[in-house]
Amino acid sequence: MKKVLVCAAIAAVVATSASAGSLGGAKYPATGCGLGYMLFSKEKPNDFALNLVASIVNATGMQSFGVTTGTSGCNPGGVWAQNETLNNFASQNLEKLAADMAKGEGETLDAFADLAGVNDKPAFFAATQANFDKIFTKSDITAGEVLANMDAAL
């Protein structure tokens, strides 16, 4: 029974390492991003033992959390557009969100930042205001286009 569990654990780590590398691209060649990367393999990305431990930590769900929130060293392309909660919020509040981004502040932009898990709201507000023309590129824009534009601009 122990052999089966050990083999299953090794297979899970290998599978996680393979998929994690593709999530993080060249920056995360073995472990991908996530808490495991931040704690164990960030300083020594070519150390096999540290990458193994990092992969195991990431396999516990820490990597999914990092990719979803853009934290733990994860900042994949499409962070805004891939988030269903942000997409729904933007769809329901697009006009108010546009007005708040144009002025660099506001209740709707603040709520959006909360949903996105933005840590530095003043910097985020300033960035959305400075890039407003790149985010809202046309008058009949959709929420999905706005979020994709945010991915490109921010």
N, C-alpha and C. Protein backbone atom coordinates (compact mmCIF):
# COMPACT_ATOMS: atom_id res chain seq x y z
N MET A 1 0.83 -1.20 0.00
CA MET A 1 0.00 0.00 0.00
C MET A 1 0.87 1.26 0.00
N LYS A 2 1.97 1.20 0.78
CA LYS A 2 2.86 2.35 0.84
C LYS A 2 3.48 2.64 -0.53
N LYS A 3 3.83 1.59 -1.29
CA LYS A 3 4.42 1.78 -2.60
C LYS A 3 3.44 2.48 -3.54
N VAL A 4 2.18 2.11 -3.44
CA VAL A 4 1.16 2.73 -4.29
C VAL A 4 1.03 4.21 -3.96
N LEU A 5 1.00 4.54 -2.68
CA LEU A 5 0.90 5.93 -2.26
C LEU A 5 2.12 6.73 -2.68
N VAL A 6 3.30 6.17 -2.52
CA VAL A 6 4.53 6.86 -2.91
C VAL A 6 4.54 7.09 -4.43
N CYS A 7 4.17 6.06 -5.19
CA CYS A 7 4.13 6.21 -6.65
C CYS A 7 3.11 7.25 -7.07
N ALA A 8 1.96 7.26 -6.42
CA ALA A 8 0.93 8.25 -6.74
C ALA A 8 1.41 9.66 -6.41
N ALA A 9 2.09 9.80 -5.28
CA ALA A 9 2.61 11.12 -4.90
C ALA A 9 3.67 11.60 -5.89
N ILE A 10 4.55 10.72 -6.30
CA ILE A 10 5.58 11.10 -7.27
C ILE A 10 4.94 11.46 -8.60
N ALA A 11 3.96 10.68 -9.03
CA ALA A 11 3.27 10.98 -10.29
C ALA A 11 2.57 12.34 -10.22
N ALA A 12 1.96 12.63 -9.09
CA ALA A 12 1.28 13.92 -8.92
C ALA A 12 2.27 15.07 -8.98
N VAL A 13 3.42 14.89 -8.34
CA VAL A 13 4.44 15.94 -8.35
C VAL A 13 4.98 16.15 -9.76
N VAL A 14 5.24 15.07 -10.46
CA VAL A 14 5.75 15.18 -11.82
C VAL A 14 4.73 15.86 -12.72
N ALA A 15 3.47 15.45 -12.61
CA ALA A 15 2.41 16.06 -13.42
C ALA A 15 2.24 17.53 -13.08
N THR A 16 2.29 17.84 -11.80
CA THR A 16 2.15 19.23 -11.37
C THR A 16 3.33 20.06 -11.87
N SER A 17 4.52 19.50 -11.78
CA SER A 17 5.70 20.24 -12.25
C SER A 17 5.62 20.51 -13.73
N ALA A 18 5.16 19.53 -14.48
CA ALA A 18 5.07 19.71 -15.93
C ALA A 18 4.05 20.77 -16.29
N SER A 19 2.89 20.72 -15.66
CA SER A 19 1.86 21.71 -15.98
C SER A 19 2.22 23.07 -15.39
N ALA A 20 2.86 23.07 -14.25
CA ALA A 20 3.23 24.34 -13.63
C ALA A 20 4.23 25.10 -14.48
N GLY A 21 5.16 24.40 -15.08
CA GLY A 21 6.13 25.06 -15.93
C GLY A 21 5.46 25.75 -17.10
N SER A 22 4.42 25.14 -17.62
CA SER A 22 3.76 25.77 -18.76
C SER A 22 2.94 26.97 -18.32
N LEU A 23 2.45 26.99 -17.10
CA LEU A 23 1.70 28.14 -16.62
C LEU A 23 2.60 29.34 -16.45
N GLY A 24 3.77 29.11 -15.91
CA GLY A 24 4.65 30.23 -15.61
C GLY A 24 5.58 30.61 -16.74
N GLY A 25 5.68 29.79 -17.74
CA GLY A 25 6.57 30.11 -18.84
C GLY A 25 8.03 29.96 -18.43
N ALA A 26 8.90 30.63 -19.13
CA ALA A 26 10.33 30.48 -18.91
C ALA A 26 10.76 30.96 -17.53
N LYS A 27 10.03 31.88 -16.94
CA LYS A 27 10.40 32.40 -15.63
C LYS A 27 10.31 31.32 -14.56
N TYR A 28 9.42 30.36 -14.73
CA TYR A 28 9.20 29.30 -13.77
C TYR A 28 9.38 27.95 -14.46
N PRO A 29 10.61 27.58 -14.83
CA PRO A 29 10.78 26.41 -15.67
C PRO A 29 10.41 25.09 -15.01
N ALA A 30 10.52 24.96 -13.71
CA ALA A 30 10.26 23.67 -13.08
C ALA A 30 8.99 23.66 -12.24
N THR A 31 8.81 24.65 -11.41
CA THR A 31 7.72 24.59 -10.44
C THR A 31 6.50 25.41 -10.82
N GLY A 32 6.65 26.34 -11.71
CA GLY A 32 5.56 27.28 -11.94
C GLY A 32 5.56 28.30 -10.82
N CYS A 33 4.65 29.23 -10.89
CA CYS A 33 4.55 30.23 -9.84
C CYS A 33 3.74 29.65 -8.70
N GLY A 34 3.61 30.38 -7.63
CA GLY A 34 2.82 29.93 -6.48
C GLY A 34 3.62 30.04 -5.20
N LEU A 35 2.98 29.68 -4.11
CA LEU A 35 3.63 29.78 -2.81
C LEU A 35 4.89 28.92 -2.74
N GLY A 36 4.85 27.74 -3.33
CA GLY A 36 6.03 26.88 -3.34
C GLY A 36 7.21 27.55 -4.02
N TYR A 37 6.95 28.18 -5.14
CA TYR A 37 8.01 28.91 -5.85
C TYR A 37 8.54 30.03 -4.98
N MET A 38 7.65 30.81 -4.37
CA MET A 38 8.07 31.95 -3.56
C MET A 38 8.90 31.51 -2.35
N LEU A 39 8.52 30.39 -1.73
CA LEU A 39 9.21 29.96 -0.51
C LEU A 39 10.47 29.14 -0.77
N PHE A 40 10.44 28.31 -1.83
CA PHE A 40 11.52 27.33 -1.95
C PHE A 40 12.42 27.47 -3.17
N SER A 41 11.89 27.80 -4.32
CA SER A 41 12.75 27.73 -5.50
C SER A 41 13.03 29.06 -6.18
N LYS A 42 12.53 30.15 -5.63
CA LYS A 42 12.74 31.45 -6.25
C LYS A 42 14.22 31.81 -6.30
N GLU A 43 14.92 31.58 -5.20
CA GLU A 43 16.34 31.96 -5.13
C GLU A 43 17.24 30.98 -5.87
N LYS A 44 16.84 29.72 -5.93
CA LYS A 44 17.65 28.69 -6.61
C LYS A 44 16.75 27.91 -7.56
N PRO A 45 16.40 28.50 -8.72
CA PRO A 45 15.43 27.87 -9.61
C PRO A 45 15.91 26.57 -10.25
N ASN A 46 17.20 26.25 -10.19
CA ASN A 46 17.69 25.03 -10.81
C ASN A 46 18.00 23.93 -9.79
N ASP A 47 17.65 24.14 -8.53
CA ASP A 47 17.90 23.15 -7.49
C ASP A 47 16.77 22.12 -7.50
N PHE A 48 17.08 20.87 -7.84
CA PHE A 48 16.07 19.83 -7.98
C PHE A 48 15.28 19.62 -6.69
N ALA A 49 15.96 19.52 -5.55
CA ALA A 49 15.28 19.24 -4.28
C ALA A 49 14.31 20.38 -3.92
N LEU A 50 14.76 21.61 -4.09
CA LEU A 50 13.89 22.74 -3.78
C LEU A 50 12.70 22.80 -4.75
N ASN A 51 12.95 22.49 -6.02
CA ASN A 51 11.85 22.46 -6.99
C ASN A 51 10.84 21.37 -6.66
N LEU A 52 11.32 20.25 -6.18
CA LEU A 52 10.42 19.15 -5.79
C LEU A 52 9.53 19.58 -4.63
N VAL A 53 10.13 20.18 -3.61
CA VAL A 53 9.35 20.66 -2.47
C VAL A 53 8.38 21.76 -2.92
N ALA A 54 8.84 22.67 -3.76
CA ALA A 54 7.98 23.75 -4.26
C ALA A 54 6.81 23.18 -5.04
N SER A 55 7.05 22.16 -5.85
CA SER A 55 5.97 21.53 -6.62
C SER A 55 4.94 20.88 -5.72
N ILE A 56 5.40 20.26 -4.66
CA ILE A 56 4.47 19.62 -3.71
C ILE A 56 3.61 20.68 -3.04
N VAL A 57 4.22 21.79 -2.62
CA VAL A 57 3.45 22.87 -1.99
C VAL A 57 2.45 23.44 -3.00
N ASN A 58 2.88 23.67 -4.23
CA ASN A 58 1.99 24.20 -5.25
C ASN A 58 0.84 23.25 -5.55
N ALA A 59 1.09 21.94 -5.43
CA ALA A 59 0.06 20.95 -5.72
C ALA A 59 -1.07 20.97 -4.70
N THR A 60 -0.86 21.59 -3.55
CA THR A 60 -1.90 21.65 -2.52
C THR A 60 -2.97 22.69 -2.83
N GLY A 61 -2.85 23.36 -3.95
CA GLY A 61 -3.83 24.38 -4.31
C GLY A 61 -3.28 25.78 -4.24
N MET A 62 -2.06 25.91 -3.73
CA MET A 62 -1.46 27.23 -3.60
C MET A 62 -1.19 27.86 -4.96
N GLN A 63 -0.88 27.04 -5.95
CA GLN A 63 -0.60 27.58 -7.27
C GLN A 63 -1.90 28.09 -7.91
N SER A 64 -2.97 27.35 -7.76
CA SER A 64 -4.25 27.80 -8.31
C SER A 64 -4.67 29.13 -7.70
N PHE A 65 -4.46 29.27 -6.40
CA PHE A 65 -4.79 30.53 -5.73
C PHE A 65 -3.94 31.66 -6.29
N GLY A 66 -2.65 31.42 -6.46
CA GLY A 66 -1.76 32.45 -6.99
C GLY A 66 -2.11 32.86 -8.40
N VAL A 67 -2.43 31.89 -9.24
CA VAL A 67 -2.78 32.19 -10.63
C VAL A 67 -4.09 32.96 -10.68
N THR A 68 -5.05 32.55 -9.87
CA THR A 68 -6.36 33.21 -9.86
C THR A 68 -6.27 34.65 -9.39
N THR A 69 -5.46 34.88 -8.36
CA THR A 69 -5.39 36.22 -7.77
C THR A 69 -4.24 37.06 -8.29
N GLY A 70 -3.32 36.43 -9.01
CA GLY A 70 -2.16 37.17 -9.49
C GLY A 70 -1.14 37.44 -8.40
N THR A 71 -1.18 36.65 -7.33
CA THR A 71 -0.24 36.80 -6.22
C THR A 71 0.77 35.67 -6.23
N SER A 72 1.62 35.61 -5.24
CA SER A 72 2.61 34.55 -5.07
C SER A 72 3.52 34.40 -6.30
N GLY A 73 3.85 35.52 -6.90
CA GLY A 73 4.73 35.49 -8.05
C GLY A 73 4.03 35.14 -9.36
N CYS A 74 2.72 34.97 -9.31
CA CYS A 74 1.96 34.62 -10.52
C CYS A 74 1.38 35.88 -11.13
N ASN A 75 1.70 36.12 -12.34
CA ASN A 75 1.11 37.23 -13.06
C ASN A 75 0.97 36.84 -14.53
N PRO A 76 0.16 35.80 -14.77
CA PRO A 76 0.02 35.33 -16.14
C PRO A 76 -0.75 36.33 -16.98
N GLY A 77 -0.55 36.27 -18.28
CA GLY A 77 -1.34 37.10 -19.17
C GLY A 77 -2.81 36.78 -19.01
N GLY A 78 -3.63 37.76 -19.11
CA GLY A 78 -5.06 37.53 -19.02
C GLY A 78 -5.61 37.46 -17.61
N VAL A 79 -4.90 38.04 -16.66
CA VAL A 79 -5.36 37.98 -15.27
C VAL A 79 -6.75 38.59 -15.13
N TRP A 80 -6.96 39.74 -15.75
CA TRP A 80 -8.26 40.40 -15.62
C TRP A 80 -9.32 39.66 -16.42
N ALA A 81 -9.03 39.38 -17.67
CA ALA A 81 -10.02 38.80 -18.57
C ALA A 81 -10.41 37.38 -18.18
N GLN A 82 -9.53 36.65 -17.53
CA GLN A 82 -9.82 35.27 -17.17
C GLN A 82 -10.63 35.15 -15.88
N ASN A 83 -10.80 36.23 -15.15
CA ASN A 83 -11.49 36.19 -13.88
C ASN A 83 -12.99 36.38 -14.11
N GLU A 84 -13.75 35.33 -13.89
CA GLU A 84 -15.19 35.37 -14.15
C GLU A 84 -15.92 36.37 -13.26
N THR A 85 -15.50 36.48 -12.01
CA THR A 85 -16.13 37.44 -11.09
C THR A 85 -15.93 38.86 -11.59
N LEU A 86 -14.72 39.19 -12.02
CA LEU A 86 -14.45 40.53 -12.55
C LEU A 86 -15.22 40.78 -13.84
N ASN A 87 -15.33 39.75 -14.66
CA ASN A 87 -16.06 39.88 -15.91
C ASN A 87 -17.54 40.16 -15.64
N ASN A 88 -18.12 39.44 -14.70
CA ASN A 88 -19.53 39.67 -14.35
C ASN A 88 -19.73 41.06 -13.76
N PHE A 89 -18.82 41.45 -12.87
CA PHE A 89 -18.93 42.77 -12.24
C PHE A 89 -18.82 43.87 -13.30
N ALA A 90 -17.83 43.74 -14.17
CA ALA A 90 -17.63 44.76 -15.21
C ALA A 90 -18.83 44.82 -16.16
N SER A 91 -19.40 43.67 -16.46
CA SER A 91 -20.57 43.63 -17.35
C SER A 91 -21.75 44.40 -16.75
N GLN A 92 -21.94 44.24 -15.45
CA GLN A 92 -23.08 44.87 -14.78
C GLN A 92 -22.83 46.34 -14.44
N ASN A 93 -21.58 46.76 -14.43
CA ASN A 93 -21.24 48.12 -13.98
C ASN A 93 -20.33 48.86 -14.96
N LEU A 94 -20.43 48.55 -16.23
CA LEU A 94 -19.46 49.06 -17.20
C LEU A 94 -19.45 50.58 -17.29
N GLU A 95 -20.61 51.22 -17.33
CA GLU A 95 -20.65 52.68 -17.44
C GLU A 95 -20.07 53.36 -16.20
N LYS A 96 -20.44 52.86 -15.02
CA LYS A 96 -19.91 53.43 -13.78
C LYS A 96 -18.41 53.18 -13.66
N LEU A 97 -17.97 51.99 -14.09
CA LEU A 97 -16.55 51.67 -14.05
C LEU A 97 -15.77 52.59 -14.97
N ALA A 98 -16.32 52.86 -16.16
CA ALA A 98 -15.67 53.78 -17.10
C ALA A 98 -15.55 55.17 -16.50
N ALA A 99 -16.62 55.65 -15.89
CA ALA A 99 -16.60 56.98 -15.30
C ALA A 99 -15.57 57.07 -14.17
N ASP A 100 -15.50 56.04 -13.34
CA ASP A 100 -14.55 56.03 -12.23
C ASP A 100 -13.11 55.93 -12.72
N MET A 101 -12.88 55.11 -13.75
CA MET A 101 -11.52 55.00 -14.28
C MET A 101 -11.08 56.32 -14.92
N ALA A 102 -12.01 57.00 -15.56
CA ALA A 102 -11.68 58.27 -16.20
C ALA A 102 -11.24 59.32 -15.18
N LYS A 103 -11.86 59.29 -14.00
CA LYS A 103 -11.48 60.27 -12.98
C LYS A 103 -10.46 59.72 -11.98
N GLY A 104 -10.16 58.40 -12.05
CA GLY A 104 -9.14 57.82 -11.18
C GLY A 104 -9.58 57.54 -9.77
N GLU A 105 -10.87 57.46 -9.55
CA GLU A 105 -11.41 57.16 -8.22
C GLU A 105 -12.89 56.88 -8.33
N GLY A 106 -13.44 56.33 -7.26
CA GLY A 106 -14.88 56.12 -7.23
C GLY A 106 -15.26 54.80 -6.60
N GLU A 107 -16.50 54.73 -6.21
CA GLU A 107 -17.02 53.56 -5.51
C GLU A 107 -16.97 52.30 -6.36
N THR A 108 -17.32 52.40 -7.63
CA THR A 108 -17.33 51.22 -8.50
C THR A 108 -15.91 50.74 -8.77
N LEU A 109 -14.99 51.65 -9.01
CA LEU A 109 -13.59 51.27 -9.22
C LEU A 109 -13.00 50.67 -7.95
N ASP A 110 -13.38 51.20 -6.80
CA ASP A 110 -12.92 50.67 -5.52
C ASP A 110 -13.43 49.24 -5.32
N ALA A 111 -14.70 49.01 -5.63
CA ALA A 111 -15.27 47.66 -5.51
C ALA A 111 -14.60 46.70 -6.48
N PHE A 112 -14.32 47.16 -7.69
CA PHE A 112 -13.62 46.35 -8.68
C PHE A 112 -12.23 45.97 -8.15
N ALA A 113 -11.52 46.93 -7.59
CA ALA A 113 -10.19 46.67 -7.03
C ALA A 113 -10.26 45.67 -5.89
N ASP A 114 -11.29 45.77 -5.06
CA ASP A 114 -11.47 44.79 -3.98
C ASP A 114 -11.67 43.39 -4.54
N LEU A 115 -12.53 43.26 -5.54
CA LEU A 115 -12.78 41.95 -6.15
C LEU A 115 -11.52 41.39 -6.80
N ALA A 116 -10.70 42.27 -7.36
CA ALA A 116 -9.47 41.85 -8.03
C ALA A 116 -8.34 41.57 -7.05
N GLY A 117 -8.51 41.96 -5.79
CA GLY A 117 -7.47 41.74 -4.79
C GLY A 117 -6.30 42.70 -4.94
N VAL A 118 -6.58 43.90 -5.43
CA VAL A 118 -5.53 44.89 -5.63
C VAL A 118 -5.02 45.38 -4.28
N ASN A 119 -3.73 45.31 -4.08
CA ASN A 119 -3.13 45.74 -2.81
C ASN A 119 -2.88 47.24 -2.76
N ASP A 120 -2.41 47.80 -3.85
CA ASP A 120 -2.06 49.22 -3.90
C ASP A 120 -3.11 49.96 -4.74
N LYS A 121 -4.22 50.28 -4.09
CA LYS A 121 -5.33 50.90 -4.81
C LYS A 121 -4.98 52.25 -5.44
N PRO A 122 -4.29 53.14 -4.72
CA PRO A 122 -3.95 54.42 -5.36
C PRO A 122 -3.16 54.25 -6.66
N ALA A 123 -2.21 53.33 -6.67
CA ALA A 123 -1.43 53.08 -7.88
C ALA A 123 -2.31 52.48 -8.97
N PHE A 124 -3.20 51.57 -8.58
CA PHE A 124 -4.12 50.96 -9.55
C PHE A 124 -5.06 52.01 -10.14
N PHE A 125 -5.61 52.86 -9.28
CA PHE A 125 -6.52 53.91 -9.75
C PHE A 125 -5.79 54.84 -10.73
N ALA A 126 -4.56 55.22 -10.37
CA ALA A 126 -3.78 56.10 -11.24
C ALA A 126 -3.46 55.42 -12.58
N ALA A 127 -3.16 54.13 -12.52
CA ALA A 127 -2.84 53.39 -13.75
C ALA A 127 -4.05 53.26 -14.66
N THR A 128 -5.21 53.01 -14.08
CA THR A 128 -6.41 52.91 -14.93
C THR A 128 -6.76 54.27 -15.53
N GLN A 129 -6.55 55.33 -14.77
CA GLN A 129 -6.83 56.66 -15.29
C GLN A 129 -5.83 57.01 -16.40
N ALA A 130 -4.56 56.74 -16.17
CA ALA A 130 -3.54 57.06 -17.17
C ALA A 130 -3.70 56.25 -18.46
N ASN A 131 -4.25 55.05 -18.33
CA ASN A 131 -4.42 54.17 -19.49
C ASN A 131 -5.86 54.09 -19.95
N PHE A 132 -6.68 55.04 -19.54
CA PHE A 132 -8.11 54.99 -19.86
C PHE A 132 -8.35 54.82 -21.35
N ASP A 133 -7.64 55.57 -22.18
CA ASP A 133 -7.84 55.49 -23.63
C ASP A 133 -7.43 54.14 -24.21
N LYS A 134 -6.54 53.44 -23.53
CA LYS A 134 -6.13 52.10 -23.97
C LYS A 134 -7.10 51.04 -23.48
N ILE A 135 -7.80 51.33 -22.39
CA ILE A 135 -8.74 50.37 -21.81
C ILE A 135 -10.12 50.49 -22.47
N PHE A 136 -10.60 51.71 -22.58
CA PHE A 136 -11.90 51.97 -23.22
C PHE A 136 -11.61 52.55 -24.60
N THR A 137 -11.46 51.67 -25.57
CA THR A 137 -11.01 52.07 -26.90
C THR A 137 -12.13 52.48 -27.84
N LYS A 138 -13.37 52.20 -27.47
CA LYS A 138 -14.50 52.59 -28.32
C LYS A 138 -15.74 52.75 -27.46
N SER A 139 -16.74 53.42 -28.00
CA SER A 139 -17.94 53.72 -27.20
C SER A 139 -18.82 52.50 -26.96
N ASP A 140 -18.81 51.54 -27.86
CA ASP A 140 -19.67 50.36 -27.70
C ASP A 140 -18.87 49.13 -27.25
N ILE A 141 -17.90 49.35 -26.39
CA ILE A 141 -17.00 48.29 -25.93
C ILE A 141 -17.73 47.35 -24.96
N THR A 142 -17.33 46.10 -24.95
CA THR A 142 -17.91 45.12 -24.03
C THR A 142 -17.01 44.97 -22.81
N ALA A 143 -17.54 44.38 -21.76
CA ALA A 143 -16.76 44.16 -20.55
C ALA A 143 -15.56 43.27 -20.82
N GLY A 144 -15.76 42.24 -21.64
CA GLY A 144 -14.65 41.35 -21.97
C GLY A 144 -13.53 42.09 -22.69
N GLU A 145 -13.89 43.01 -23.58
CA GLU A 145 -12.88 43.80 -24.28
C GLU A 145 -12.15 44.73 -23.32
N VAL A 146 -12.89 45.31 -22.38
CA VAL A 146 -12.28 46.18 -21.38
C VAL A 146 -11.25 45.42 -20.57
N LEU A 147 -11.61 44.22 -20.11
CA LEU A 147 -10.69 43.44 -19.29
C LEU A 147 -9.49 42.96 -20.11
N ALA A 148 -9.71 42.60 -21.36
CA ALA A 148 -8.58 42.22 -22.22
C ALA A 148 -7.67 43.42 -22.45
N ASN A 149 -8.26 44.59 -22.62
CA ASN A 149 -7.45 45.81 -22.78
C ASN A 149 -6.67 46.12 -21.51
N MET A 150 -7.26 45.84 -20.36
CA MET A 150 -6.55 46.04 -19.10
C MET A 150 -5.35 45.11 -19.01
N ASP A 151 -5.54 43.87 -19.49
CA ASP A 151 -4.43 42.93 -19.50
C ASP A 151 -3.27 43.46 -20.32
N ALA A 152 -3.60 44.07 -21.44
CA ALA A 152 -2.56 44.60 -22.33
C ALA A 152 -1.93 45.89 -21.79
N ALA A 153 -2.74 46.73 -21.16
CA ALA A 153 -2.28 48.06 -20.75
C ALA A 153 -1.62 48.10 -19.38
N LEU A 154 -2.06 47.27 -18.46
CA LEU A 154 -1.56 47.38 -17.08
C LEU A 154 -0.49 46.37 -16.76
